[in-house]
All heavy atoms as atom14 arrays in JSON, in Angstrom:
{
  "sequence": "NQLSEEDRVKLKEVAGVDGLYRIRVPRVFLQ",
  "atom14_mask": [
    [1, 1, 1, 1, 1, 1, 1, 1, 0, 0, 0, 0, 0, 0],
    [1, 1, 1, 1, 1, 1, 1, 1, 1, 0, 0, 0, 0, 0],
    [1, 1, 1, 1, 1, 1, 1, 1, 0, 0, 0, 0, 0, 0],
    [1, 1, 1, 1, 1, 1, 0, 0, 0, 0, 0, 0, 0, 0],
    [1, 1, 1, 1, 1, 1, 1, 1, 1, 0, 0, 0, 0, 0],
    [1, 1, 1, 1, 1, 1, 1, 1, 1, 0, 0, 0, 0, 0],
    [1, 1, 1, 1, 1, 1, 1, 1, 0, 0, 0, 0, 0, 0],
    [1, 1, 1, 1, 1, 1, 1, 1, 1, 1, 1, 0, 0, 0],
    [1, 1, 1, 1, 1, 1, 1, 0, 0, 0, 0, 0, 0, 0],
    [1, 1, 1, 1, 1, 1, 1, 1, 1, 0, 0, 0, 0, 0],
    [1, 1, 1, 1, 1, 1, 1, 1, 0, 0, 0, 0, 0, 0],
    [1, 1, 1, 1, 1, 1, 1, 1, 1, 0, 0, 0, 0, 0],
    [1, 1, 1, 1, 1, 1, 1, 1, 1, 0, 0, 0, 0, 0],
    [1, 1, 1, 1, 1, 1, 1, 0, 0, 0, 0, 0, 0, 0],
    [1, 1, 1, 1, 1, 0, 0, 0, 0, 0, 0, 0, 0, 0],
    [1, 1, 1, 1, 0, 0, 0, 0, 0, 0, 0, 0, 0, 0],
    [1, 1, 1, 1, 1, 1, 1, 0, 0, 0, 0, 0, 0, 0],
    [1, 1, 1, 1, 1, 1, 1, 1, 0, 0, 0, 0, 0, 0],
    [1, 1, 1, 1, 0, 0, 0, 0, 0, 0, 0, 0, 0, 0],
    [1, 1, 1, 1, 1, 1, 1, 1, 0, 0, 0, 0, 0, 0],
    [1, 1, 1, 1, 1, 1, 1, 1, 1, 1, 1, 1, 0, 0],
    [1, 1, 1, 1, 1, 1, 1, 1, 1, 1, 1, 0, 0, 0],
    [1, 1, 1, 1, 1, 1, 1, 1, 0, 0, 0, 0, 0, 0],
    [1, 1, 1, 1, 1, 1, 1, 1, 1, 1, 1, 0, 0, 0],
    [1, 1, 1, 1, 1, 1, 1, 0, 0, 0, 0, 0, 0, 0],
    [1, 1, 1, 1, 1, 1, 1, 0, 0, 0, 0, 0, 0, 0],
    [1, 1, 1, 1, 1, 1, 1, 1, 1, 1, 1, 0, 0, 0],
    [1, 1, 1, 1, 1, 1, 1, 0, 0, 0, 0, 0, 0, 0],
    [1, 1, 1, 1, 1, 1, 1, 1, 1, 1, 1, 0, 0, 0],
    [1, 1, 1, 1, 1, 1, 1, 1, 0, 0, 0, 0, 0, 0],
    [1, 1, 1, 1, 1, 1, 1, 1, 1, 0, 0, 0, 0, 0]
  ],
  "atom14_positions": [
    [[10.08, -2.05, -7.11], [8.99, -1.04, -7.03], [7.99, -1.24, -8.15], [8.16, -1.73, -9.16], [9.55, 0.36, -7.03], [10.68, 0.64, -6.09], [10.56, 0.23, -4.92], [11.68, 1.45, -6.52], [0.0, 0.0, 0.0], [0.0, 0.0, 0.0], [0.0, 0.0, 0.0], [0.0, 0.0, 0.0], [0.0, 0.0, 0.0], [0.0, 0.0, 0.0]],
    [[6.69, -0.78, -7.97], [5.76, -0.77, -9.0], [5.94, 0.49, -9.87], [6.35, 1.42, -9.44], [4.29, -0.74, -8.31], [3.92, -2.13, -7.5], [2.51, -2.0, -6.98], [1.86, -0.89, -7.02], [1.97, -2.99, -6.44], [0.0, 0.0, 0.0], [0.0, 0.0, 0.0], [0.0, 0.0, 0.0], [0.0, 0.0, 0.0], [0.0, 0.0, 0.0]],
    [[5.36, 0.22, -10.97], [5.52, 1.36, -12.02], [4.38, 2.3, -11.63], [3.18, 2.0, -11.41], [5.26, 0.87, -13.39], [6.53, 0.32, -14.14], [6.02, 0.02, -15.51], [7.67, 1.33, -14.17], [0.0, 0.0, 0.0], [0.0, 0.0, 0.0], [0.0, 0.0, 0.0], [0.0, 0.0, 0.0], [0.0, 0.0, 0.0], [0.0, 0.0, 0.0]],
    [[4.74, 3.57, -11.63], [3.77, 4.68, -11.35], [2.86, 4.83, -12.7], [3.22, 4.41, -13.73], [4.5, 5.98, -11.01], [5.22, 6.45, -12.12], [0.0, 0.0, 0.0], [0.0, 0.0, 0.0], [0.0, 0.0, 0.0], [0.0, 0.0, 0.0], [0.0, 0.0, 0.0], [0.0, 0.0, 0.0], [0.0, 0.0, 0.0], [0.0, 0.0, 0.0]],
    [[1.65, 5.59, -12.45], [0.88, 5.95, -13.51], [1.66, 6.57, -14.64], [1.42, 6.36, -15.88], [-0.35, 6.6, -13.26], [-1.35, 6.93, -14.23], [-2.52, 7.71, -13.8], [-2.61, 7.86, -12.46], [-3.37, 8.01, -14.59], [0.0, 0.0, 0.0], [0.0, 0.0, 0.0], [0.0, 0.0, 0.0], [0.0, 0.0, 0.0], [0.0, 0.0, 0.0]],
    [[2.52, 7.49, -14.34], [3.29, 8.32, -15.32], [4.25, 7.41, -16.05], [4.32, 7.52, -17.2], [4.08, 9.37, -14.55], [4.9, 10.27, -15.49], [5.72, 11.32, -14.65], [5.49, 11.28, -13.39], [6.51, 11.96, -15.24], [0.0, 0.0, 0.0], [0.0, 0.0, 0.0], [0.0, 0.0, 0.0], [0.0, 0.0, 0.0], [0.0, 0.0, 0.0]],
    [[4.89, 6.42, -15.28], [5.85, 5.52, -15.99], [5.07, 4.62, -16.87], [5.61, 4.23, -17.84], [6.65, 4.79, -14.9], [7.7, 5.63, -14.2], [8.19, 6.61, -14.95], [8.17, 5.27, -13.18], [0.0, 0.0, 0.0], [0.0, 0.0, 0.0], [0.0, 0.0, 0.0], [0.0, 0.0, 0.0], [0.0, 0.0, 0.0], [0.0, 0.0, 0.0]],
    [[3.93, 4.15, -16.53], [3.19, 3.32, -17.32], [2.75, 3.92, -18.74], [2.92, 3.46, -19.72], [1.89, 2.79, -16.64], [2.15, 1.89, -15.57], [0.99, 1.19, -15.11], [-0.14, 1.98, -14.71], [-0.36, 2.35, -13.32], [0.59, 1.89, -12.41], [-1.23, 3.18, -12.92], [0.0, 0.0, 0.0], [0.0, 0.0, 0.0], [0.0, 0.0, 0.0]],
    [[2.31, 5.13, -18.65], [2.01, 5.93, -19.92], [3.34, 6.16, -20.78], [3.33, 6.07, -21.86], [1.36, 7.39, -19.49], [1.25, 8.17, -20.73], [0.07, 6.99, -18.77], [0.0, 0.0, 0.0], [0.0, 0.0, 0.0], [0.0, 0.0, 0.0], [0.0, 0.0, 0.0], [0.0, 0.0, 0.0], [0.0, 0.0, 0.0], [0.0, 0.0, 0.0]],
    [[4.39, 6.46, -19.99], [5.69, 6.69, -20.81], [6.24, 5.51, -21.29], [6.64, 5.53, -22.6], [6.75, 7.33, -19.72], [8.06, 7.69, -20.32], [8.92, 8.24, -19.3], [10.21, 8.68, -19.85], [11.1, 9.3, -18.86], [0.0, 0.0, 0.0], [0.0, 0.0, 0.0], [0.0, 0.0, 0.0], [0.0, 0.0, 0.0], [0.0, 0.0, 0.0]],
    [[6.07, 4.36, -20.71], [6.6, 2.97, -21.33], [5.73, 2.75, -22.58], [6.38, 2.32, -23.53], [6.51, 2.01, -20.2], [7.04, 0.56, -20.78], [8.56, 0.62, -21.15], [6.81, -0.33, -19.62], [0.0, 0.0, 0.0], [0.0, 0.0, 0.0], [0.0, 0.0, 0.0], [0.0, 0.0, 0.0], [0.0, 0.0, 0.0], [0.0, 0.0, 0.0]],
    [[4.44, 2.91, -22.45], [3.65, 2.64, -23.75], [4.1, 3.64, -24.94], [4.01, 3.24, -26.12], [2.25, 2.79, -23.4], [1.71, 1.62, -22.47], [0.18, 1.6, -22.34], [-0.42, 1.09, -23.63], [-1.88, 0.99, -23.55], [0.0, 0.0, 0.0], [0.0, 0.0, 0.0], [0.0, 0.0, 0.0], [0.0, 0.0, 0.0], [0.0, 0.0, 0.0]],
    [[4.39, 4.82, -24.58], [4.82, 5.91, -25.63], [6.17, 5.42, -26.15], [6.28, 5.46, -27.4], [4.89, 7.22, -24.97], [3.63, 7.85, -24.53], [3.81, 9.22, -23.93], [4.95, 9.55, -23.59], [2.71, 9.99, -23.65], [0.0, 0.0, 0.0], [0.0, 0.0, 0.0], [0.0, 0.0, 0.0], [0.0, 0.0, 0.0], [0.0, 0.0, 0.0]],
    [[7.03, 4.97, -25.35], [8.32, 4.55, -25.87], [8.12, 3.29, -26.74], [8.82, 3.13, -27.81], [9.36, 4.17, -24.74], [10.59, 3.68, -25.36], [9.59, 5.49, -23.99], [0.0, 0.0, 0.0], [0.0, 0.0, 0.0], [0.0, 0.0, 0.0], [0.0, 0.0, 0.0], [0.0, 0.0, 0.0], [0.0, 0.0, 0.0], [0.0, 0.0, 0.0]],
    [[7.41, 2.38, -26.4], [6.87, 1.15, -27.11], [6.37, 1.52, -28.52], [6.64, 0.94, -29.36], [6.09, 0.22, -26.4], [0.0, 0.0, 0.0], [0.0, 0.0, 0.0], [0.0, 0.0, 0.0], [0.0, 0.0, 0.0], [0.0, 0.0, 0.0], [0.0, 0.0, 0.0], [0.0, 0.0, 0.0], [0.0, 0.0, 0.0], [0.0, 0.0, 0.0]],
    [[5.56, 2.62, -28.46], [4.86, 3.04, -29.84], [5.88, 3.55, -30.73], [5.54, 3.4, -31.98], [0.0, 0.0, 0.0], [0.0, 0.0, 0.0], [0.0, 0.0, 0.0], [0.0, 0.0, 0.0], [0.0, 0.0, 0.0], [0.0, 0.0, 0.0], [0.0, 0.0, 0.0], [0.0, 0.0, 0.0], [0.0, 0.0, 0.0], [0.0, 0.0, 0.0]],
    [[7.09, 4.04, -30.3], [8.06, 4.68, -31.34], [9.17, 3.55, -31.47], [10.1, 3.87, -31.96], [8.52, 5.92, -30.91], [7.49, 7.05, -30.92], [9.25, 5.78, -29.55], [0.0, 0.0, 0.0], [0.0, 0.0, 0.0], [0.0, 0.0, 0.0], [0.0, 0.0, 0.0], [0.0, 0.0, 0.0], [0.0, 0.0, 0.0], [0.0, 0.0, 0.0]],
    [[8.88, 2.26, -31.0], [9.93, 1.27, -31.0], [11.2, 1.62, -30.37], [12.31, 1.39, -30.85], [10.17, 0.85, -32.45], [10.83, -0.64, -32.62], [10.76, -1.45, -31.7], [11.49, -0.94, -33.6], [0.0, 0.0, 0.0], [0.0, 0.0, 0.0], [0.0, 0.0, 0.0], [0.0, 0.0, 0.0], [0.0, 0.0, 0.0], [0.0, 0.0, 0.0]],
    [[11.07, 2.21, -29.19], [12.23, 2.5, -28.33], [12.76, 1.25, -27.54], [12.22, 0.22, -27.63], [0.0, 0.0, 0.0], [0.0, 0.0, 0.0], [0.0, 0.0, 0.0], [0.0, 0.0, 0.0], [0.0, 0.0, 0.0], [0.0, 0.0, 0.0], [0.0, 0.0, 0.0], [0.0, 0.0, 0.0], [0.0, 0.0, 0.0], [0.0, 0.0, 0.0]],
    [[13.74, 1.59, -26.7], [14.36, 0.49, -25.97], [14.08, 0.65, -24.45], [13.85, 1.76, -23.9], [15.85, 0.55, -26.09], [16.36, 0.36, -27.57], [18.01, 0.48, -27.51], [16.06, -1.01, -28.18], [0.0, 0.0, 0.0], [0.0, 0.0, 0.0], [0.0, 0.0, 0.0], [0.0, 0.0, 0.0], [0.0, 0.0, 0.0], [0.0, 0.0, 0.0]],
    [[13.97, -0.44, -23.86], [13.91, -0.54, -22.43], [15.26, -0.95, -21.74], [15.72, -2.15, -22.12], [12.78, -1.51, -21.88], [12.64, -1.56, -20.38], [11.99, -0.78, -19.57], [13.33, -2.7, -19.81], [11.96, -0.86, -18.17], [13.26, -2.75, -18.37], [12.58, -2.02, -17.66], [12.49, -2.03, -16.28], [0.0, 0.0, 0.0], [0.0, 0.0, 0.0]],
    [[16.02, -0.15, -21.06], [17.35, -0.59, -20.51], [17.31, -0.91, -18.93], [16.55, -0.19, -18.3], [18.22, 0.55, -20.84], [18.5, 0.86, -22.32], [19.45, 1.97, -22.43], [19.85, 2.26, -23.73], [19.29, 3.14, -24.53], [18.05, 3.84, -24.14], [19.65, 3.34, -25.9], [0.0, 0.0, 0.0], [0.0, 0.0, 0.0], [0.0, 0.0, 0.0]],
    [[18.18, -1.73, -18.58], [18.51, -1.89, -17.16], [19.93, -1.86, -16.93], [20.79, -2.07, -17.94], [18.02, -3.16, -16.64], [18.67, -4.42, -17.43], [16.45, -3.45, -16.8], [18.45, -5.76, -16.85], [0.0, 0.0, 0.0], [0.0, 0.0, 0.0], [0.0, 0.0, 0.0], [0.0, 0.0, 0.0], [0.0, 0.0, 0.0], [0.0, 0.0, 0.0]],
    [[20.47, -1.59, -15.71], [21.85, -1.63, -15.43], [21.95, -2.0, -13.98], [21.15, -1.72, -13.13], [22.46, -0.27, -15.8], [22.16, 0.81, -14.69], [23.04, 1.97, -15.15], [22.84, 3.13, -14.08], [23.44, 4.36, -14.15], [24.26, 4.56, -15.31], [23.28, 5.14, -13.24], [0.0, 0.0, 0.0], [0.0, 0.0, 0.0], [0.0, 0.0, 0.0]],
    [[23.08, -2.66, -13.64], [23.57, -2.99, -12.24], [24.96, -2.62, -12.14], [25.77, -2.62, -13.07], [23.26, -4.51, -11.95], [21.81, -4.79, -11.93], [24.01, -5.39, -12.91], [0.0, 0.0, 0.0], [0.0, 0.0, 0.0], [0.0, 0.0, 0.0], [0.0, 0.0, 0.0], [0.0, 0.0, 0.0], [0.0, 0.0, 0.0], [0.0, 0.0, 0.0]],
    [[25.41, -2.29, -10.92], [26.91, -1.94, -10.76], [27.73, -3.28, -10.78], [27.23, -4.41, -10.46], [26.83, -1.29, -9.27], [25.7, -1.98, -8.58], [24.67, -2.12, -9.72], [0.0, 0.0, 0.0], [0.0, 0.0, 0.0], [0.0, 0.0, 0.0], [0.0, 0.0, 0.0], [0.0, 0.0, 0.0], [0.0, 0.0, 0.0], [0.0, 0.0, 0.0]],
    [[29.06, -3.08, -11.12], [30.04, -4.1, -11.05], [30.3, -4.5, -9.68], [30.98, -3.38, -9.02], [31.14, -3.81, -11.93], [30.88, -3.56, -13.35], [32.14, -3.26, -14.11], [31.91, -2.99, -15.51], [32.15, -3.83, -16.45], [32.68, -5.16, -16.13], [31.96, -3.6, -17.68], [0.0, 0.0, 0.0], [0.0, 0.0, 0.0], [0.0, 0.0, 0.0]],
    [[30.2, -5.54, -9.09], [30.57, -5.93, -7.82], [31.13, -7.26, -7.66], [30.9, -8.14, -8.59], [29.36, -5.69, -6.7], [28.97, -4.29, -6.62], [28.29, -6.67, -7.15], [0.0, 0.0, 0.0], [0.0, 0.0, 0.0], [0.0, 0.0, 0.0], [0.0, 0.0, 0.0], [0.0, 0.0, 0.0], [0.0, 0.0, 0.0], [0.0, 0.0, 0.0]],
    [[31.74, -7.64, -6.57], [32.14, -8.94, -6.2], [31.03, -9.74, -5.4], [30.47, -9.16, -4.61], [33.42, -9.01, -5.43], [34.69, -8.97, -6.27], [35.4, -7.67, -6.31], [35.14, -9.97, -7.03], [36.5, -7.55, -7.06], [36.32, -9.99, -7.76], [37.05, -8.77, -7.83], [0.0, 0.0, 0.0], [0.0, 0.0, 0.0], [0.0, 0.0, 0.0]],
    [[30.96, -11.02, -5.7], [29.94, -11.82, -4.88], [30.65, -12.68, -3.97], [29.88, -13.29, -3.03], [29.15, -12.66, -5.81], [28.36, -11.93, -6.82], [27.52, -12.95, -7.65], [27.43, -10.94, -6.29], [0.0, 0.0, 0.0], [0.0, 0.0, 0.0], [0.0, 0.0, 0.0], [0.0, 0.0, 0.0], [0.0, 0.0, 0.0], [0.0, 0.0, 0.0]],
    [[31.97, -12.93, -3.9], [32.64, -13.81, -3.04], [32.72, -13.2, -1.62], [32.82, -12.06, -1.51], [33.99, -14.17, -3.5], [34.05, -15.11, -4.63], [35.39, -15.65, -4.9], [36.34, -15.1, -4.39], [35.49, -16.71, -5.73], [0.0, 0.0, 0.0], [0.0, 0.0, 0.0], [0.0, 0.0, 0.0], [0.0, 0.0, 0.0], [0.0, 0.0, 0.0]]
  ]
}
């Protein structure tokens, strides 16, 4: 998905305080 305008502003605010950007995925099998 594209980042919304609200998320873009929020991401820059988090970057300004040297915060973290996290991602996560579920544990699954690929076979």
